[in-house]
Amino acid sequence: MKIIILSNAEVGSNYGVALIERGHEVCWAGGNVEAMLKSLVDWDGCLLLGDEPEFLEFAEHFETIGKKVWRSLPEIPRSASTPPLK
């Protein structure tokens, strides 16, 4: 899946590594949320890790068009191509 992380850089990078290890494609939206809104159809969901107004607005738009919004890493399913951890 292609997942946008809505977070500041310090927090989001740790989550990004975990998602990449799980087989997902990741993009960070830490500042230019306006530009990201133009390409919503290219992404499967977003991980909301903050309560900044622009992140909340983005997540709301995402939900409106039927995309997933996760609020914690365990909510995100593993990629089908990634074997489960032992």
C-alpha atoms as a PDB file:
ATOM      1  CA  MET A   1       0.000   0.000   0.000  1.00  0.00           C
ATOM      2  CA  LYS A   2       1.001   3.611  -0.482  1.00  0.00           C
ATOM      3  CA  ILE A   3       0.725   5.460   2.822  1.00  0.00           C
ATOM      4  CA  ILE A   4       1.181   9.140   3.656  1.00  0.00           C
ATOM      5  CA  ILE A   5       2.491   9.895   7.137  1.00  0.00           C
ATOM      6  CA  LEU A   6       1.067  13.075   8.648  1.00  0.00           C
ATOM      7  CA  SER A   7       3.609  13.992  11.295  1.00  0.00           C
ATOM      8  CA  ASN A   8       6.602  16.106  12.124  1.00  0.00           C
ATOM      9  CA  ALA A   9       9.859  14.717  10.729  1.00  0.00           C
ATOM     10  CA  GLU A  10      11.306  13.430  14.009  1.00  0.00           C
ATOM     11  CA  VAL A  11       8.327  11.210  14.771  1.00  0.00           C
ATOM     12  CA  GLY A  12       7.359  10.289  11.237  1.00  0.00           C
ATOM     13  CA  SER A  13      10.735   8.901  10.211  1.00  0.00           C
ATOM     14  CA  ASN A  14      10.578   6.110  12.797  1.00  0.00           C
ATOM     15  CA  TYR A  15       7.112   5.116  11.634  1.00  0.00           C
ATOM     16  CA  GLY A  16       8.204   5.345   8.001  1.00  0.00           C
ATOM     17  CA  VAL A  17      11.007   2.848   8.532  1.00  0.00           C
ATOM     18  CA  ALA A  18       8.589   0.417  10.181  1.00  0.00           C
ATOM     19  CA  LEU A  19       6.098   0.735   7.304  1.00  0.00           C
ATOM     20  CA  ILE A  20       8.796   0.282   4.658  1.00  0.00           C
ATOM     21  CA  GLU A  21       9.982  -2.850   6.468  1.00  0.00           C
ATOM     22  CA  ARG A  22       6.392  -4.099   6.265  1.00  0.00           C
ATOM     23  CA  GLY A  23       6.420  -3.653   2.485  1.00  0.00           C
ATOM     24  CA  HIS A  24       4.592  -0.338   2.110  1.00  0.00           C
ATOM     25  CA  GLU A  25       5.500   2.701   0.038  1.00  0.00           C
ATOM     26  CA  VAL A  26       5.711   5.799   2.233  1.00  0.00           C
ATOM     27  CA  CYS A  27       5.541   9.556   1.783  1.00  0.00           C
ATOM     28  CA  TRP A  28       5.800  12.202   4.492  1.00  0.00           C
ATOM     29  CA  ALA A  29       3.538  15.244   4.577  1.00  0.00           C
ATOM     30  CA  GLY A  30       5.194  17.408   7.160  1.00  0.00           C
ATOM     31  CA  GLY A  31       4.741  20.815   5.696  1.00  0.00           C
ATOM     32  CA  ASN A  32       3.196  20.968   2.247  1.00  0.00           C
ATOM     33  CA  VAL A  33      -0.189  19.432   2.900  1.00  0.00           C
ATOM     34  CA  GLU A  34      -1.797  21.624   0.218  1.00  0.00           C
ATOM     35  CA  ALA A  35       0.297  19.975  -2.511  1.00  0.00           C
ATOM     36  CA  MET A  36      -0.509  16.517  -1.153  1.00  0.00           C
ATOM     37  CA  LEU A  37      -4.252  17.172  -1.387  1.00  0.00           C
ATOM     38  CA  LYS A  38      -3.885  17.365  -5.183  1.00  0.00           C
ATOM     39  CA  SER A  39      -2.650  13.775  -5.419  1.00  0.00           C
ATOM     40  CA  LEU A  40      -5.008  11.998  -3.006  1.00  0.00           C
ATOM     41  CA  VAL A  41      -6.051   9.376  -5.532  1.00  0.00           C
ATOM     42  CA  ASP A  42      -2.477   8.050  -5.709  1.00  0.00           C
ATOM     43  CA  TRP A  43      -2.450   6.972  -2.047  1.00  0.00           C
ATOM     44  CA  ASP A  44      -4.245   4.170  -0.187  1.00  0.00           C
ATOM     45  CA  GLY A  45      -4.323   5.756   3.251  1.00  0.00           C
ATOM     46  CA  CYS A  46      -2.634   7.999   5.758  1.00  0.00           C
ATOM     47  CA  LEU A  47      -1.187   7.600   9.221  1.00  0.00           C
ATOM     48  CA  LEU A  48      -2.244  10.582  11.339  1.00  0.00           C
ATOM     49  CA  LEU A  49       0.318  11.241  14.088  1.00  0.00           C
ATOM     50  CA  GLY A  50      -0.516  14.704  15.275  1.00  0.00           C
ATOM     51  CA  ASP A  51      -3.265  17.187  15.894  1.00  0.00           C
ATOM     52  CA  GLU A  52      -2.027  20.073  13.785  1.00  0.00           C
ATOM     53  CA  PRO A  53      -4.982  21.686  11.982  1.00  0.00           C
ATOM     54  CA  GLU A  54      -3.547  21.055   8.502  1.00  0.00           C
ATOM     55  CA  PHE A  55      -3.031  17.355   9.292  1.00  0.00           C
ATOM     56  CA  LEU A  56      -6.570  17.022  10.628  1.00  0.00           C
ATOM     57  CA  GLU A  57      -7.961  18.767   7.538  1.00  0.00           C
ATOM     58  CA  PHE A  58      -5.979  16.467   5.258  1.00  0.00           C
ATOM     59  CA  ALA A  59      -7.192  13.362   7.126  1.00  0.00           C
ATOM     60  CA  GLU A  60     -10.777  14.584   6.875  1.00  0.00           C
ATOM     61  CA  HIS A  61     -10.427  15.017   3.098  1.00  0.00           C
ATOM     62  CA  PHE A  62      -8.925  11.554   2.874  1.00  0.00           C
ATOM     63  CA  GLU A  63     -11.856   9.976   4.742  1.00  0.00           C
ATOM     64  CA  THR A  64     -14.337  11.927   2.621  1.00  0.00           C
ATOM     65  CA  ILE A  65     -13.063  10.296  -0.565  1.00  0.00           C
ATOM     66  CA  GLY A  66     -13.131   6.832   1.016  1.00  0.00           C
ATOM     67  CA  LYS A  67      -9.461   6.432   1.907  1.00  0.00           C
ATOM     68  CA  LYS A  68      -8.263   4.905   5.200  1.00  0.00           C
ATOM     69  CA  VAL A  69      -6.988   7.061   8.035  1.00  0.00           C
ATOM     70  CA  TRP A  70      -5.029   5.211  10.711  1.00  0.00           C
ATOM     71  CA  ARG A  71      -4.064   6.714  14.050  1.00  0.00           C
ATOM     72  CA  SER A  72      -1.582   4.083  15.170  1.00  0.00           C
ATOM     73  CA  LEU A  73       0.906   1.766  13.486  1.00  0.00           C
ATOM     74  CA  PRO A  74      -0.716  -1.513  14.640  1.00  0.00           C
ATOM     75  CA  GLU A  75      -3.937  -0.560  12.801  1.00  0.00           C
ATOM     76  CA  ILE A  76      -2.154  -0.756   9.426  1.00  0.00           C
ATOM     77  CA  PRO A  77      -2.206  -4.210   7.841  1.00  0.00           C
ATOM     78  CA  ARG A  78       1.044  -5.725   6.621  1.00  0.00           C
ATOM     79  CA  SER A  79       1.709  -5.798   2.906  1.00  0.00           C
ATOM     80  CA  ALA A  80       0.685  -9.091   1.306  1.00  0.00           C
ATOM     81  CA  SER A  81       4.273  -9.593   0.124  1.00  0.00           C
ATOM     82  CA  THR A  82       5.768  -9.254   3.619  1.00  0.00           C
ATOM     83  CA  PRO A  83       5.973 -12.397   5.730  1.00  0.00           C
ATOM     84  CA  PRO A  84       4.707 -12.085   9.325  1.00  0.00           C
ATOM     85  CA  LEU A  85       7.242 -11.606  12.105  1.00  0.00           C
ATOM     86  CA  LYS A  86       8.143 -14.711  14.115  1.00  0.00           C
END
